[in-house]
Amino acid sequence: MSQPLTYDGDDTENEQSTIIYNYDWSTTSLGPMDSWEPMIKNALDLCLQSAYPICLYLGPELITIYNKAFHQIAKNSFKLGKSANEAIMLDYHLSQLKTVMATGKTLFQKEQYIESYRSGYNEEIYCDYGYSPIFKSDGSVYGLNSITQEVSYSEEIKSLDSVCNIITKVLRDNNADIPYALIYFIEHKSNAGSETLIARLTATTFDEDSKKERHFPDYFPETREIIDLSKEADNNHETYIELKRETTTNSFLKCESWPIHLLIKKGLHVKVILKDDSQAVLLLTRIPLGGDQTLSAVLICENFRKHNDPSASRKSDEYIFATWEVNRRRKEAV
């Protein structure tokens, strides 16, 4: 067993490091680790110390060695100490490896389709990645250093944007049941260790193909394209108005802007009363994007429970949820 040049036994990937430095590399074409040139050991040391997903392809057979972050992306597609020819990868990725080995020139690709064997089946993901040559002391190319970043989240957002535009167009063309609708996506962004929630207006029934600017009714509260919800937390959205309908009394929020942050906090739905005394409802759904990532989405539309017919009211609410859920699940199934 050999240790990296800067190994102190306390790196963030100690378990993966232990596996690699205890591996019997003499059973591979690379030979015992003690026989490796210093620049190869340095490349391995940097790979294991890095928080970024890195895989090394070494020797003529492109033997794979990777850190913990890369394993979380590749899962069972790669086997430690095995040739890239034995990994689950598309032919053109293998061709790219061989091209960089032959030319010694770095290659970088953005938002590339990759198949990763996860949970017993090949999962479609998108990644940014680069291949950089690793040179021996004689100047020849001995292997490749590959840094990979999964960007499937970005691809999901683009697809969901398209789905939302389809939903609002259908509602706009058939507005007898739902006169208007707005859809916000809530993006989670990390900044200096804290999380910021950004609401982005994705699609509305007021969108027109020939016009970029949206025009909202005067009776709407302030409707912004982008909302920093962390700055909305101090706003007072707790002014309620009670409206009686037959034997029931309902509470509605009176607000100057859409109370999206309150919806995120309380979940389910929030009912508001608008400037013309009409009513609207904010509905929340969460869309899984794979891994631990989720996207919060807010649908704003007319509140149908203002009608006196409970049956019509219930059907309208069910229609709203059904329209939203069917399109959400259709996207997940693609």
Protein backbone atom coordinates (compact mmCIF):
# COMPACT_ATOMS: atom_id res chain seq x y z
CA MET A 1 0.00 0.00 0.00
CA SER A 2 1.20 3.52 -0.80
CA GLN A 3 -0.01 6.87 0.50
CA PRO A 4 -0.46 10.11 -1.48
CA LEU A 5 2.22 12.79 -1.16
CA THR A 6 0.04 15.01 1.04
CA TYR A 7 -2.09 12.35 2.68
CA ASP A 8 -2.68 13.05 6.38
CA GLY A 9 -5.31 10.40 7.10
CA ASP A 10 -7.96 13.05 7.69
CA ASP A 11 -9.32 14.05 4.27
CA THR A 12 -13.04 14.29 3.51
CA GLU A 13 -13.01 11.08 1.51
CA ASN A 14 -11.09 8.89 3.92
CA GLU A 15 -13.21 5.83 3.20
CA GLN A 16 -12.75 6.08 -0.57
CA SER A 17 -9.04 6.84 -0.10
CA THR A 18 -8.60 3.74 2.06
CA ILE A 19 -10.24 1.56 -0.58
CA ILE A 20 -8.02 2.96 -3.32
CA TYR A 21 -4.73 2.83 -1.42
CA ASN A 22 -5.42 -0.72 -0.27
CA TYR A 23 -6.34 -1.87 -3.78
CA ASP A 24 -3.92 -4.39 -5.31
CA TRP A 25 -2.93 -2.38 -8.37
CA SER A 26 -0.35 -5.02 -9.31
CA THR A 27 -3.28 -7.02 -10.71
CA THR A 28 -3.84 -4.28 -13.29
CA SER A 29 -1.75 -2.96 -16.17
CA LEU A 30 -0.78 0.01 -13.96
CA GLY A 31 1.39 -2.14 -11.72
CA PRO A 32 2.04 -1.56 -7.98
CA MET A 33 1.33 2.00 -6.83
CA ASP A 34 4.92 2.34 -5.54
CA SER A 35 6.09 2.11 -9.15
CA TRP A 36 3.91 5.00 -10.38
CA GLU A 37 5.58 8.22 -11.41
CA PRO A 38 5.20 11.22 -9.03
CA MET A 39 2.93 13.15 -11.43
CA ILE A 40 0.51 10.20 -11.52
CA LYS A 41 0.46 10.05 -7.72
CA ASN A 42 -0.08 13.80 -7.62
CA ALA A 43 -3.07 13.50 -9.97
CA LEU A 44 -4.54 10.79 -7.73
CA ASP A 45 -3.92 12.87 -4.61
CA LEU A 46 -5.72 15.88 -6.12
CA CYS A 47 -8.59 13.66 -7.26
CA LEU A 48 -9.22 12.28 -3.78
CA GLN A 49 -8.83 15.64 -2.05
CA SER A 50 -11.26 17.39 -4.39
CA ALA A 51 -14.92 18.05 -3.56
CA TYR A 52 -15.68 18.01 -7.30
CA PRO A 53 -16.52 14.75 -9.11
CA ILE A 54 -13.26 13.53 -10.68
CA CYS A 55 -12.37 10.31 -12.47
CA LEU A 56 -8.88 9.33 -13.65
CA TYR A 57 -8.38 7.12 -16.71
CA LEU A 58 -4.84 5.73 -16.52
CA GLY A 59 -2.61 3.70 -18.80
CA PRO A 60 -3.26 2.23 -22.26
CA GLU A 61 -6.34 0.40 -20.94
CA LEU A 62 -7.75 3.58 -19.34
CA ILE A 63 -8.04 2.03 -15.87
CA THR A 64 -10.58 4.01 -13.81
CA ILE A 65 -9.96 5.57 -10.39
CA TYR A 66 -12.47 8.05 -9.00
CA ASN A 67 -13.39 9.97 -5.86
CA LYS A 68 -16.55 9.77 -3.78
CA ALA A 69 -18.23 12.72 -5.52
CA PHE A 70 -17.84 11.05 -8.92
CA HIS A 71 -19.15 7.75 -7.58
CA GLN A 72 -22.34 9.53 -6.46
CA ILE A 73 -22.96 10.51 -10.09
CA ALA A 74 -21.77 7.34 -11.84
CA LYS A 75 -23.09 4.91 -9.21
CA ASN A 76 -22.65 1.39 -10.65
CA SER A 77 -21.70 2.48 -14.17
CA PHE A 78 -17.98 2.33 -13.31
CA LYS A 79 -15.90 -0.29 -11.49
CA LEU A 80 -12.78 0.76 -9.63
CA GLY A 81 -9.61 -0.60 -11.21
CA LYS A 82 -11.36 -1.72 -14.39
CA SER A 83 -10.91 -0.48 -17.94
CA ALA A 84 -13.15 2.24 -19.35
CA ASN A 85 -14.12 -0.36 -21.95
CA GLU A 86 -15.93 -2.23 -19.18
CA ALA A 87 -17.79 0.85 -17.90
CA ILE A 88 -21.36 1.61 -18.90
CA MET A 89 -20.84 4.55 -21.23
CA LEU A 90 -21.94 5.51 -24.72
CA ASP A 91 -19.59 4.76 -27.61
CA TYR A 92 -18.94 8.41 -28.40
CA HIS A 93 -17.77 9.06 -24.82
CA LEU A 94 -15.24 6.26 -25.17
CA SER A 95 -14.23 7.74 -28.52
CA GLN A 96 -13.66 11.13 -26.85
CA LEU A 97 -11.36 9.52 -24.28
CA LYS A 98 -9.27 7.90 -26.99
CA THR A 99 -9.10 11.15 -28.98
CA VAL A 100 -7.70 13.12 -26.02
CA MET A 101 -5.23 10.31 -25.31
CA ALA A 102 -4.04 10.45 -28.93
CA THR A 103 -3.89 14.25 -29.33
CA GLY A 104 -2.99 15.38 -25.81
CA LYS A 105 -5.53 18.20 -26.16
CA THR A 106 -8.15 19.06 -23.54
CA LEU A 107 -11.82 18.56 -24.44
CA PHE A 108 -14.82 20.20 -22.74
CA GLN A 109 -18.51 19.41 -23.27
CA LYS A 110 -21.65 21.12 -21.89
CA GLU A 111 -25.04 19.58 -21.06
CA GLN A 112 -24.21 16.22 -22.61
CA TYR A 113 -26.57 13.25 -22.41
CA ILE A 114 -25.17 10.41 -20.30
CA GLU A 115 -26.60 7.09 -19.13
CA SER A 116 -25.86 6.28 -15.49
CA TYR A 117 -26.70 2.87 -14.05
CA ARG A 118 -28.66 3.68 -10.88
CA SER A 119 -31.15 1.68 -8.81
CA GLY A 120 -31.04 -1.26 -11.20
CA TYR A 121 -31.59 0.57 -14.48
CA ASN A 122 -29.95 3.12 -16.79
CA GLU A 123 -30.99 6.64 -15.82
CA GLU A 124 -30.78 9.53 -18.28
CA ILE A 125 -28.76 12.45 -16.89
CA TYR A 126 -27.06 15.55 -18.31
CA CYS A 127 -23.55 16.64 -17.39
CA ASP A 128 -20.87 19.22 -18.08
CA TYR A 129 -17.49 17.49 -18.24
CA GLY A 130 -13.93 17.92 -19.41
CA TYR A 131 -11.04 15.58 -20.24
CA SER A 132 -7.50 16.83 -19.56
CA PRO A 133 -4.36 14.81 -20.41
CA ILE A 134 -2.01 13.60 -17.68
CA PHE A 135 1.60 13.61 -18.91
CA LYS A 136 4.50 11.41 -17.83
CA SER A 137 8.00 12.81 -17.26
CA ASP A 138 8.97 11.96 -20.85
CA GLY A 139 6.11 14.12 -22.19
CA SER A 140 3.88 11.26 -23.32
CA VAL A 141 0.20 11.09 -22.38
CA TYR A 142 -0.36 8.46 -19.71
CA GLY A 143 -3.97 9.13 -18.82
CA LEU A 144 -6.83 11.58 -18.44
CA ASN A 145 -8.26 13.68 -15.64
CA SER A 146 -12.04 14.08 -16.01
CA ILE A 147 -14.02 16.63 -13.97
CA THR A 148 -17.79 16.15 -14.21
CA GLN A 149 -20.76 18.18 -12.98
CA GLU A 150 -24.33 16.90 -13.26
CA VAL A 151 -26.67 19.56 -14.64
CA SER A 152 -29.83 17.47 -14.96
CA TYR A 153 -31.56 20.02 -12.71
CA SER A 154 -31.07 22.72 -15.36
CA GLU A 155 -32.49 20.47 -18.07
CA GLU A 156 -35.52 19.67 -15.90
CA ILE A 157 -36.17 23.39 -15.38
CA LYS A 158 -36.09 24.04 -19.12
CA SER A 159 -38.53 21.18 -19.76
CA LEU A 160 -40.83 22.31 -16.96
CA ASP A 161 -40.84 25.84 -18.35
CA SER A 162 -42.11 24.40 -21.61
CA VAL A 163 -44.80 22.34 -19.86
CA CYS A 164 -46.00 25.40 -17.91
CA ASN A 165 -46.29 27.43 -21.10
CA ILE A 166 -48.42 24.65 -22.58
CA ILE A 167 -50.66 24.57 -19.48
CA THR A 168 -51.28 28.32 -19.47
CA LYS A 169 -51.90 28.38 -23.22
CA VAL A 170 -54.55 25.66 -22.86
CA LEU A 171 -56.17 27.58 -20.00
CA ARG A 172 -56.03 30.84 -21.96
CA ASP A 173 -57.74 29.24 -24.93
CA ASN A 174 -60.41 27.66 -22.70
CA ASN A 175 -60.96 30.31 -20.04
CA ALA A 176 -64.62 29.66 -19.23
CA ASP A 177 -63.65 27.65 -16.13
CA ILE A 178 -60.36 29.36 -15.24
CA PRO A 179 -60.27 33.02 -16.39
CA TYR A 180 -56.61 33.49 -15.46
CA ALA A 181 -53.61 31.63 -14.07
CA LEU A 182 -50.04 32.44 -13.05
CA ILE A 183 -47.27 29.92 -12.36
CA TYR A 184 -44.22 30.71 -10.22
CA PHE A 185 -41.22 28.42 -9.74
CA ILE A 186 -39.38 28.64 -6.43
CA GLU A 187 -35.64 28.18 -6.93
CA HIS A 188 -33.37 27.28 -4.02
CA LYS A 189 -30.02 29.10 -4.13
CA SER A 190 -27.16 28.80 -1.64
CA ASN A 191 -25.16 31.89 -0.79
CA ALA A 192 -22.41 32.01 1.84
CA GLY A 193 -23.87 29.07 3.73
CA SER A 194 -27.45 30.35 3.76
CA GLU A 195 -30.33 29.44 1.47
CA THR A 196 -32.21 32.02 -0.56
CA LEU A 197 -35.63 31.34 -2.07
CA ILE A 198 -36.21 33.03 -5.40
CA ALA A 199 -39.70 32.98 -6.96
CA ARG A 200 -39.66 33.35 -10.74
CA LEU A 201 -42.82 33.99 -12.77
CA THR A 202 -42.61 31.25 -15.39
CA ALA A 203 -45.86 31.41 -17.35
CA THR A 204 -49.25 33.16 -17.27
CA THR A 205 -52.46 33.25 -19.25
CA PHE A 206 -51.59 36.87 -20.00
CA ASP A 207 -48.59 35.85 -22.11
CA GLU A 208 -48.87 36.52 -25.82
CA ASP A 209 -46.58 35.06 -28.45
CA SER A 210 -46.10 38.41 -30.18
CA LYS A 211 -45.48 40.42 -27.00
CA LYS A 212 -42.75 40.09 -24.39
CA GLU A 213 -44.30 42.43 -21.83
CA ARG A 214 -47.08 41.12 -19.61
CA HIS A 215 -50.07 43.30 -18.76
CA PHE A 216 -52.01 42.33 -15.64
CA PRO A 217 -55.47 43.53 -14.53
CA ASP A 218 -55.59 46.63 -12.34
CA TYR A 219 -57.33 44.68 -9.58
CA PHE A 220 -54.33 42.36 -9.16
CA PRO A 221 -51.89 42.94 -6.29
CA GLU A 222 -48.31 43.77 -7.28
CA THR A 223 -47.18 41.00 -9.65
CA ARG A 224 -43.40 40.84 -9.96
CA GLU A 225 -41.40 38.70 -12.38
CA ILE A 226 -38.78 37.81 -9.76
CA ILE A 227 -39.30 37.81 -5.98
CA ASP A 228 -36.64 37.31 -3.30
CA LEU A 229 -38.79 35.54 -0.73
CA SER A 230 -36.20 36.00 2.03
CA LYS A 231 -36.92 39.74 1.84
CA GLU A 232 -40.67 39.14 1.97
CA ALA A 233 -40.62 37.43 5.36
CA ASP A 234 -41.01 40.71 7.24
CA ASN A 235 -43.95 41.88 5.15
CA ASN A 236 -47.30 41.80 6.92
CA HIS A 237 -49.65 39.43 5.11
CA GLU A 238 -51.72 38.72 8.19
CA THR A 239 -54.60 41.13 7.44
CA TYR A 240 -57.64 38.92 7.02
CA ILE A 241 -61.14 39.75 5.88
CA GLU A 242 -64.03 37.47 6.79
CA LEU A 243 -66.71 36.81 4.19
CA LYS A 244 -69.93 35.02 4.97
CA ARG A 245 -71.54 32.63 2.53
CA GLU A 246 -74.80 31.06 3.61
CA THR A 247 -73.91 29.14 6.78
CA THR A 248 -70.13 29.40 6.54
CA THR A 249 -67.60 32.17 7.15
CA ASN A 250 -64.33 32.22 5.20
CA SER A 251 -61.17 34.23 5.83
CA PHE A 252 -59.25 35.86 2.99
CA LEU A 253 -55.94 37.68 3.01
CA LYS A 254 -55.87 41.30 1.94
CA CYS A 255 -52.43 41.89 0.46
CA GLU A 256 -50.43 44.31 -1.66
CA SER A 257 -48.45 41.54 -3.37
CA TRP A 258 -48.98 37.81 -3.86
CA PRO A 259 -48.21 36.14 -0.47
CA ILE A 260 -46.03 33.40 -1.93
CA HIS A 261 -43.66 33.26 1.05
CA LEU A 262 -46.67 32.65 3.33
CA LEU A 263 -47.79 29.81 1.06
CA ILE A 264 -44.33 28.21 1.26
CA LYS A 265 -44.43 28.52 5.05
CA LYS A 266 -47.95 27.15 5.56
CA GLY A 267 -48.27 24.85 2.54
CA LEU A 268 -51.53 23.63 0.98
CA HIS A 269 -53.22 26.83 -0.22
CA VAL A 270 -53.77 30.50 0.60
CA LYS A 271 -56.90 32.46 -0.36
CA VAL A 272 -56.70 36.19 -1.04
CA ILE A 273 -59.17 38.95 -1.83
CA LEU A 274 -58.28 41.28 -4.69
CA LYS A 275 -58.81 45.02 -5.16
CA ASP A 276 -62.16 44.53 -6.92
CA ASP A 277 -63.32 42.19 -4.11
CA SER A 278 -62.90 39.13 -6.33
CA GLN A 279 -61.03 36.18 -4.89
CA ALA A 280 -57.95 34.18 -5.87
CA VAL A 281 -56.25 31.09 -4.50
CA LEU A 282 -52.55 30.19 -4.38
CA LEU A 283 -51.83 26.46 -4.67
CA LEU A 284 -48.49 24.78 -3.87
CA THR A 285 -46.98 21.63 -5.31
CA ARG A 286 -43.49 20.17 -5.04
CA ILE A 287 -41.83 18.54 -8.04
CA PRO A 288 -39.01 15.98 -7.48
CA LEU A 289 -36.02 16.55 -9.74
CA GLY A 290 -34.02 13.47 -8.83
CA GLY A 291 -31.65 12.92 -5.93
CA ASP A 292 -32.40 15.24 -3.03
CA GLN A 293 -33.51 18.13 -5.23
CA THR A 294 -37.09 19.37 -5.39
CA LEU A 295 -38.72 22.34 -7.03
CA SER A 296 -41.60 24.24 -5.46
CA ALA A 297 -44.23 25.51 -7.88
CA VAL A 298 -47.08 27.93 -7.19
CA LEU A 299 -50.27 28.11 -9.24
CA ILE A 300 -52.35 31.29 -8.81
CA CYS A 301 -55.88 31.36 -10.23
CA GLU A 302 -59.42 32.54 -9.51
CA ASN A 303 -60.97 31.12 -6.37
CA PHE A 304 -64.06 29.20 -7.44
CA ARG A 305 -65.41 28.71 -3.93
CA LYS A 306 -66.93 32.16 -4.17
CA HIS A 307 -69.77 30.63 -6.18
CA ASN A 308 -72.91 29.61 -4.37
CA ASP A 309 -73.04 26.19 -5.98
CA PRO A 310 -70.84 23.93 -3.82
CA SER A 311 -70.84 21.24 -6.50
CA ALA A 312 -69.56 23.60 -9.19
CA SER A 313 -67.05 25.00 -6.75
CA ARG A 314 -65.71 21.57 -5.88
CA LYS A 315 -65.48 20.51 -9.52
CA SER A 316 -63.60 23.66 -10.43
CA ASP A 317 -61.08 23.16 -7.64
CA GLU A 318 -60.64 19.54 -8.66
CA TYR A 319 -60.10 20.65 -12.25
CA ILE A 320 -57.33 23.01 -11.16
CA PHE A 321 -55.51 20.31 -9.19
CA ALA A 322 -56.06 17.68 -11.87
CA THR A 323 -54.72 19.90 -14.66
CA TRP A 324 -51.63 20.71 -12.62
CA GLU A 325 -50.97 17.18 -11.37
CA VAL A 326 -51.53 15.44 -14.72
CA ASN A 327 -49.02 17.69 -16.44
CA ARG A 328 -46.56 17.33 -13.56
CA ARG A 329 -46.74 13.54 -13.60
CA ARG A 330 -46.56 13.45 -17.38
CA LYS A 331 -43.26 15.32 -17.15
CA GLU A 332 -41.92 12.94 -14.50
CA ALA A 333 -42.75 9.96 -16.70
CA VAL A 334 -40.88 11.32 -19.73
